[in-house]
């Protein structure tokens, strides 16, 4: 029984670390693009998305258990995936579509 509990604890740690990583990558990706792309794509502002994804990253970081036995409300961490998901599947494709640097690179092919 102890082995099963240990395995569950490690899977819990792995899952919440992955959620944190998704949020970190989304935040870095959001900060990579110029503010003009957000306006051109009509997707709020770079500051707005930076704050949203920064808050999601902070909550995801707090939700990662310090020890494998720690339990933090999981719903908070899963909620951060909503913000990151909206960015990944709605905002990012729109701001990439208006990015001049990417269009020049695509024109070469």
N, C-alpha and C. Protein backbone atom coordinates (compact mmCIF):
# COMPACT_ATOMS: atom_id res chain seq x y z
N UNK A 1 0.82 -1.19 0.00
CA UNK A 1 0.00 0.00 0.00
C UNK A 1 0.86 1.25 0.00
N UNK A 2 1.99 1.19 0.70
CA UNK A 2 2.89 2.33 0.77
C UNK A 2 3.46 2.66 -0.62
N UNK A 3 3.73 1.63 -1.41
CA UNK A 3 4.27 1.83 -2.75
C UNK A 3 3.26 2.54 -3.64
N UNK A 4 2.00 2.16 -3.55
CA UNK A 4 0.96 2.81 -4.34
C UNK A 4 0.82 4.28 -3.95
N UNK A 5 0.84 4.57 -2.67
CA UNK A 5 0.74 5.97 -2.21
C UNK A 5 1.94 6.77 -2.68
N UNK A 6 3.10 6.17 -2.65
CA UNK A 6 4.31 6.85 -3.11
C UNK A 6 4.22 7.14 -4.61
N UNK A 7 3.73 6.18 -5.38
CA UNK A 7 3.56 6.37 -6.81
C UNK A 7 2.55 7.48 -7.10
N UNK A 8 1.46 7.49 -6.35
CA UNK A 8 0.45 8.54 -6.53
C UNK A 8 1.03 9.92 -6.21
N UNK A 9 1.84 10.00 -5.16
CA UNK A 9 2.46 11.26 -4.80
C UNK A 9 3.40 11.77 -5.89
N UNK A 10 4.17 10.86 -6.47
CA UNK A 10 5.09 11.26 -7.54
C UNK A 10 4.32 11.67 -8.80
N UNK A 11 3.24 10.98 -9.12
CA UNK A 11 2.42 11.37 -10.27
C UNK A 11 1.78 12.73 -10.04
N UNK A 12 1.33 12.98 -8.82
CA UNK A 12 0.76 14.27 -8.44
C UNK A 12 1.80 15.37 -8.64
N UNK A 13 3.01 15.14 -8.17
CA UNK A 13 4.10 16.10 -8.33
C UNK A 13 4.41 16.33 -9.80
N UNK A 14 4.47 15.29 -10.58
CA UNK A 14 4.77 15.39 -12.00
C UNK A 14 3.67 16.16 -12.75
N UNK A 15 2.42 15.89 -12.42
CA UNK A 15 1.30 16.55 -13.09
C UNK A 15 1.32 18.05 -12.81
N UNK A 16 1.50 18.44 -11.58
CA UNK A 16 1.47 19.86 -11.25
C UNK A 16 2.72 20.59 -11.69
N UNK A 17 3.82 19.89 -11.80
CA UNK A 17 5.02 20.49 -12.38
C UNK A 17 4.82 20.72 -13.87
N UNK A 18 4.15 19.81 -14.54
CA UNK A 18 3.85 19.99 -15.97
C UNK A 18 2.90 21.17 -16.19
N UNK A 19 1.91 21.32 -15.32
CA UNK A 19 0.99 22.46 -15.42
C UNK A 19 1.77 23.76 -15.24
N UNK A 20 2.68 23.79 -14.29
CA UNK A 20 3.52 24.97 -14.08
C UNK A 20 4.36 25.26 -15.32
N UNK A 21 4.94 24.23 -15.91
CA UNK A 21 5.78 24.40 -17.10
C UNK A 21 4.97 24.96 -18.27
N UNK A 22 3.75 24.48 -18.46
CA UNK A 22 2.89 24.99 -19.54
C UNK A 22 2.65 26.48 -19.35
N UNK A 23 2.41 26.90 -18.12
CA UNK A 23 2.16 28.30 -17.83
C UNK A 23 3.41 29.16 -18.03
N UNK A 24 4.57 28.64 -17.65
CA UNK A 24 5.81 29.39 -17.84
C UNK A 24 6.08 29.61 -19.33
N UNK A 25 5.93 28.55 -20.11
CA UNK A 25 6.18 28.66 -21.55
C UNK A 25 5.17 29.62 -22.20
N UNK A 26 3.92 29.59 -21.77
CA UNK A 26 2.91 30.51 -22.31
C UNK A 26 3.27 31.96 -21.97
N UNK A 27 3.74 32.20 -20.75
CA UNK A 27 4.13 33.55 -20.35
C UNK A 27 5.31 34.04 -21.16
N UNK A 28 6.32 33.22 -21.32
CA UNK A 28 7.49 33.60 -22.11
C UNK A 28 7.09 33.85 -23.56
N UNK A 29 6.24 33.01 -24.09
CA UNK A 29 5.78 33.18 -25.48
C UNK A 29 4.98 34.47 -25.64
N UNK A 30 4.16 34.81 -24.66
CA UNK A 30 3.37 36.05 -24.72
C UNK A 30 4.26 37.28 -24.69
N UNK A 31 5.33 37.21 -23.93
CA UNK A 31 6.24 38.36 -23.82
C UNK A 31 7.17 38.50 -25.01
N UNK A 32 7.26 37.47 -25.82
CA UNK A 32 8.14 37.49 -26.99
C UNK A 32 7.67 38.41 -28.10
N UNK A 33 6.37 38.57 -28.23
CA UNK A 33 5.81 39.31 -29.35
C UNK A 33 5.65 40.79 -29.01
N UNK A 34 5.82 41.67 -30.01
CA UNK A 34 5.65 43.10 -29.74
C UNK A 34 4.18 43.45 -29.48
N UNK A 35 3.99 44.54 -28.76
CA UNK A 35 2.64 44.99 -28.39
C UNK A 35 1.79 45.29 -29.62
N UNK A 36 2.40 45.69 -30.69
CA UNK A 36 1.66 46.01 -31.92
C UNK A 36 0.93 44.80 -32.48
N UNK A 37 1.51 43.63 -32.30
CA UNK A 37 0.86 42.41 -32.80
C UNK A 37 -0.47 42.16 -32.10
N UNK A 38 -0.51 42.44 -30.82
CA UNK A 38 -1.75 42.24 -30.06
C UNK A 38 -2.84 43.19 -30.56
N UNK A 39 -2.44 44.44 -30.82
CA UNK A 39 -3.42 45.41 -31.32
C UNK A 39 -3.86 45.05 -32.73
N UNK A 40 -2.92 44.66 -33.58
CA UNK A 40 -3.25 44.30 -34.96
C UNK A 40 -4.16 43.07 -35.01
N UNK A 41 -3.99 42.16 -34.09
CA UNK A 41 -4.81 40.95 -34.06
C UNK A 41 -6.10 41.15 -33.28
N UNK A 42 -6.27 42.33 -32.67
CA UNK A 42 -7.46 42.66 -31.87
C UNK A 42 -7.63 41.66 -30.72
N UNK A 43 -6.55 41.44 -29.98
CA UNK A 43 -6.55 40.47 -28.88
C UNK A 43 -6.09 41.10 -27.57
N UNK A 44 -6.83 42.10 -27.09
CA UNK A 44 -6.48 42.84 -25.87
C UNK A 44 -5.10 43.45 -26.03
N UNK A 45 -4.33 43.53 -24.92
CA UNK A 45 -3.00 44.13 -25.00
C UNK A 45 -1.96 43.15 -24.49
N UNK A 46 -0.72 43.45 -24.81
CA UNK A 46 0.37 42.62 -24.33
C UNK A 46 0.43 42.66 -22.81
N UNK A 47 0.18 43.83 -22.24
CA UNK A 47 0.20 43.97 -20.78
C UNK A 47 -0.88 43.10 -20.13
N UNK A 48 -2.08 43.11 -20.72
CA UNK A 48 -3.18 42.30 -20.20
C UNK A 48 -2.78 40.83 -20.16
N UNK A 49 -2.28 40.32 -21.29
CA UNK A 49 -1.92 38.91 -21.35
C UNK A 49 -0.72 38.60 -20.48
N UNK A 50 0.20 39.55 -20.34
CA UNK A 50 1.33 39.35 -19.44
C UNK A 50 0.87 39.22 -17.99
N UNK A 51 -0.09 40.06 -17.60
CA UNK A 51 -0.62 39.99 -16.23
C UNK A 51 -1.42 38.71 -16.00
N UNK A 52 -2.27 38.35 -16.95
CA UNK A 52 -3.07 37.13 -16.81
C UNK A 52 -2.17 35.90 -16.71
N UNK A 53 -1.24 35.79 -17.63
CA UNK A 53 -0.37 34.61 -17.64
C UNK A 53 0.62 34.64 -16.49
N UNK A 54 1.03 35.83 -16.05
CA UNK A 54 1.89 35.93 -14.88
C UNK A 54 1.17 35.45 -13.63
N UNK A 55 -0.10 35.85 -13.49
CA UNK A 55 -0.89 35.39 -12.34
C UNK A 55 -1.11 33.88 -12.41
N UNK A 56 -1.40 33.37 -13.61
CA UNK A 56 -1.58 31.92 -13.77
C UNK A 56 -0.30 31.17 -13.41
N UNK A 57 0.83 31.69 -13.82
CA UNK A 57 2.11 31.06 -13.52
C UNK A 57 2.38 31.06 -12.03
N UNK A 58 2.08 32.18 -11.37
CA UNK A 58 2.27 32.26 -9.93
C UNK A 58 1.40 31.25 -9.19
N UNK A 59 0.14 31.16 -9.57
CA UNK A 59 -0.76 30.20 -8.91
C UNK A 59 -0.30 28.77 -9.19
N UNK A 60 0.12 28.50 -10.42
CA UNK A 60 0.61 27.15 -10.75
C UNK A 60 1.86 26.81 -9.95
N UNK A 61 2.73 27.80 -9.75
CA UNK A 61 3.94 27.58 -8.96
C UNK A 61 3.59 27.26 -7.51
N UNK A 62 2.65 28.01 -6.96
CA UNK A 62 2.23 27.78 -5.57
C UNK A 62 1.58 26.41 -5.42
N UNK A 63 0.93 25.93 -6.47
CA UNK A 63 0.22 24.65 -6.41
C UNK A 63 1.14 23.44 -6.50
N UNK A 64 2.38 23.64 -6.97
CA UNK A 64 3.31 22.51 -7.04
C UNK A 64 3.68 22.14 -5.60
N UNK A 65 3.47 20.88 -5.23
CA UNK A 65 3.76 20.49 -3.84
C UNK A 65 5.25 20.55 -3.54
N UNK A 66 5.58 21.09 -2.38
CA UNK A 66 6.98 21.19 -1.97
C UNK A 66 7.53 19.80 -1.65
N UNK A 67 6.74 19.02 -0.96
CA UNK A 67 7.10 17.62 -0.72
C UNK A 67 6.05 16.77 -1.41
N UNK A 68 6.35 15.54 -1.62
CA UNK A 68 5.41 14.67 -2.33
C UNK A 68 4.16 14.41 -1.52
N UNK A 69 4.16 14.70 -0.23
CA UNK A 69 2.99 14.47 0.60
C UNK A 69 2.09 15.69 0.73
N UNK A 70 2.53 16.85 0.26
CA UNK A 70 1.75 18.08 0.41
C UNK A 70 0.57 18.09 -0.55
N UNK A 71 -0.54 18.63 -0.09
CA UNK A 71 -1.73 18.75 -0.94
C UNK A 71 -2.20 20.19 -0.94
N UNK A 72 -2.33 20.75 -2.09
CA UNK A 72 -2.82 22.12 -2.28
C UNK A 72 -4.08 22.01 -3.12
N UNK A 73 -5.04 22.92 -2.96
CA UNK A 73 -6.25 22.82 -3.78
C UNK A 73 -5.92 22.70 -5.28
N UNK A 74 -6.23 21.56 -5.83
CA UNK A 74 -5.88 21.28 -7.21
C UNK A 74 -6.69 22.10 -8.20
N UNK A 75 -7.87 22.49 -7.81
CA UNK A 75 -8.74 23.23 -8.72
C UNK A 75 -8.09 24.54 -9.16
N UNK A 76 -7.35 25.18 -8.26
CA UNK A 76 -6.66 26.42 -8.62
C UNK A 76 -5.65 26.18 -9.74
N UNK A 77 -4.90 25.12 -9.63
CA UNK A 77 -3.89 24.83 -10.63
C UNK A 77 -4.53 24.48 -11.97
N UNK A 78 -5.62 23.71 -11.93
CA UNK A 78 -6.30 23.38 -13.18
C UNK A 78 -6.92 24.62 -13.81
N UNK A 79 -7.33 25.57 -12.99
CA UNK A 79 -7.88 26.83 -13.50
C UNK A 79 -6.86 27.63 -14.29
N UNK A 80 -5.59 27.50 -13.94
CA UNK A 80 -4.56 28.23 -14.68
C UNK A 80 -4.44 27.73 -16.11
N UNK A 81 -4.84 26.50 -16.34
CA UNK A 81 -4.80 25.96 -17.70
C UNK A 81 -5.82 26.64 -18.61
N UNK A 82 -6.84 27.24 -18.02
CA UNK A 82 -7.83 27.97 -18.83
C UNK A 82 -7.16 29.19 -19.46
N UNK A 83 -6.48 29.98 -18.64
CA UNK A 83 -5.79 31.16 -19.17
C UNK A 83 -4.73 30.80 -20.19
N UNK A 84 -3.92 29.80 -19.86
CA UNK A 84 -2.87 29.37 -20.79
C UNK A 84 -3.47 28.78 -22.06
N UNK A 85 -4.56 28.04 -21.93
CA UNK A 85 -5.21 27.44 -23.11
C UNK A 85 -5.79 28.48 -24.05
N UNK A 86 -6.41 29.50 -23.49
CA UNK A 86 -6.94 30.58 -24.33
C UNK A 86 -5.80 31.26 -25.07
N UNK A 87 -4.69 31.48 -24.37
CA UNK A 87 -3.55 32.10 -25.05
C UNK A 87 -3.02 31.19 -26.16
N UNK A 88 -2.80 29.91 -25.84
CA UNK A 88 -2.20 29.00 -26.83
C UNK A 88 -3.08 28.78 -28.06
N UNK A 89 -4.39 28.66 -27.86
CA UNK A 89 -5.25 28.24 -28.98
C UNK A 89 -6.04 29.38 -29.63
N UNK A 90 -6.04 30.57 -29.04
CA UNK A 90 -6.76 31.69 -29.64
C UNK A 90 -5.85 32.88 -29.90
N UNK A 91 -5.16 33.33 -28.88
CA UNK A 91 -4.37 34.55 -28.99
C UNK A 91 -3.08 34.34 -29.78
N UNK A 92 -2.33 33.32 -29.43
CA UNK A 92 -1.04 33.08 -30.09
C UNK A 92 -1.16 32.90 -31.60
N UNK A 93 -2.09 32.09 -32.09
CA UNK A 93 -2.20 31.99 -33.55
C UNK A 93 -2.54 33.33 -34.22
N UNK A 94 -3.36 34.14 -33.56
CA UNK A 94 -3.73 35.44 -34.13
C UNK A 94 -2.55 36.40 -34.16
N UNK A 95 -1.76 36.44 -33.09
CA UNK A 95 -0.63 37.38 -33.09
C UNK A 95 0.50 36.88 -33.97
N UNK A 96 0.61 35.58 -34.13
CA UNK A 96 1.61 35.05 -35.07
C UNK A 96 1.23 35.36 -36.52
N UNK A 97 -0.06 35.39 -36.80
CA UNK A 97 -0.52 35.65 -38.16
C UNK A 97 -0.19 37.07 -38.61
N UNK A 98 -0.12 38.00 -37.67
CA UNK A 98 0.17 39.39 -38.04
C UNK A 98 1.63 39.77 -37.83
N UNK A 99 2.46 38.83 -37.40
CA UNK A 99 3.87 39.12 -37.13
C UNK A 99 4.63 39.25 -38.44
N UNK A 100 5.22 40.40 -38.66
CA UNK A 100 5.97 40.66 -39.90
C UNK A 100 7.19 39.76 -40.04
N UNK A 101 7.85 39.51 -38.92
CA UNK A 101 9.05 38.67 -38.98
C UNK A 101 8.72 37.27 -39.48
N UNK A 102 7.59 36.73 -39.04
CA UNK A 102 7.19 35.39 -39.47
C UNK A 102 6.71 35.40 -40.91
N UNK A 103 6.05 36.48 -41.32
CA UNK A 103 5.58 36.56 -42.71
C UNK A 103 6.77 36.60 -43.68
N UNK A 104 7.81 37.34 -43.32
CA UNK A 104 9.00 37.40 -44.19
C UNK A 104 9.65 36.02 -44.30
N UNK A 105 9.69 35.31 -43.20
CA UNK A 105 10.29 33.97 -43.21
C UNK A 105 9.43 33.02 -44.03
N UNK A 106 8.10 33.16 -43.93
CA UNK A 106 7.20 32.30 -44.71
C UNK A 106 7.28 32.61 -46.20
N UNK A 107 7.55 33.86 -46.55
CA UNK A 107 7.65 34.23 -47.96
C UNK A 107 8.86 33.60 -48.63
N UNK A 108 9.87 33.28 -47.86
CA UNK A 108 11.07 32.66 -48.42
C UNK A 108 10.80 31.24 -48.89
N UNK A 109 9.82 30.58 -48.30
CA UNK A 109 9.53 29.20 -48.66
C UNK A 109 8.57 29.19 -49.78
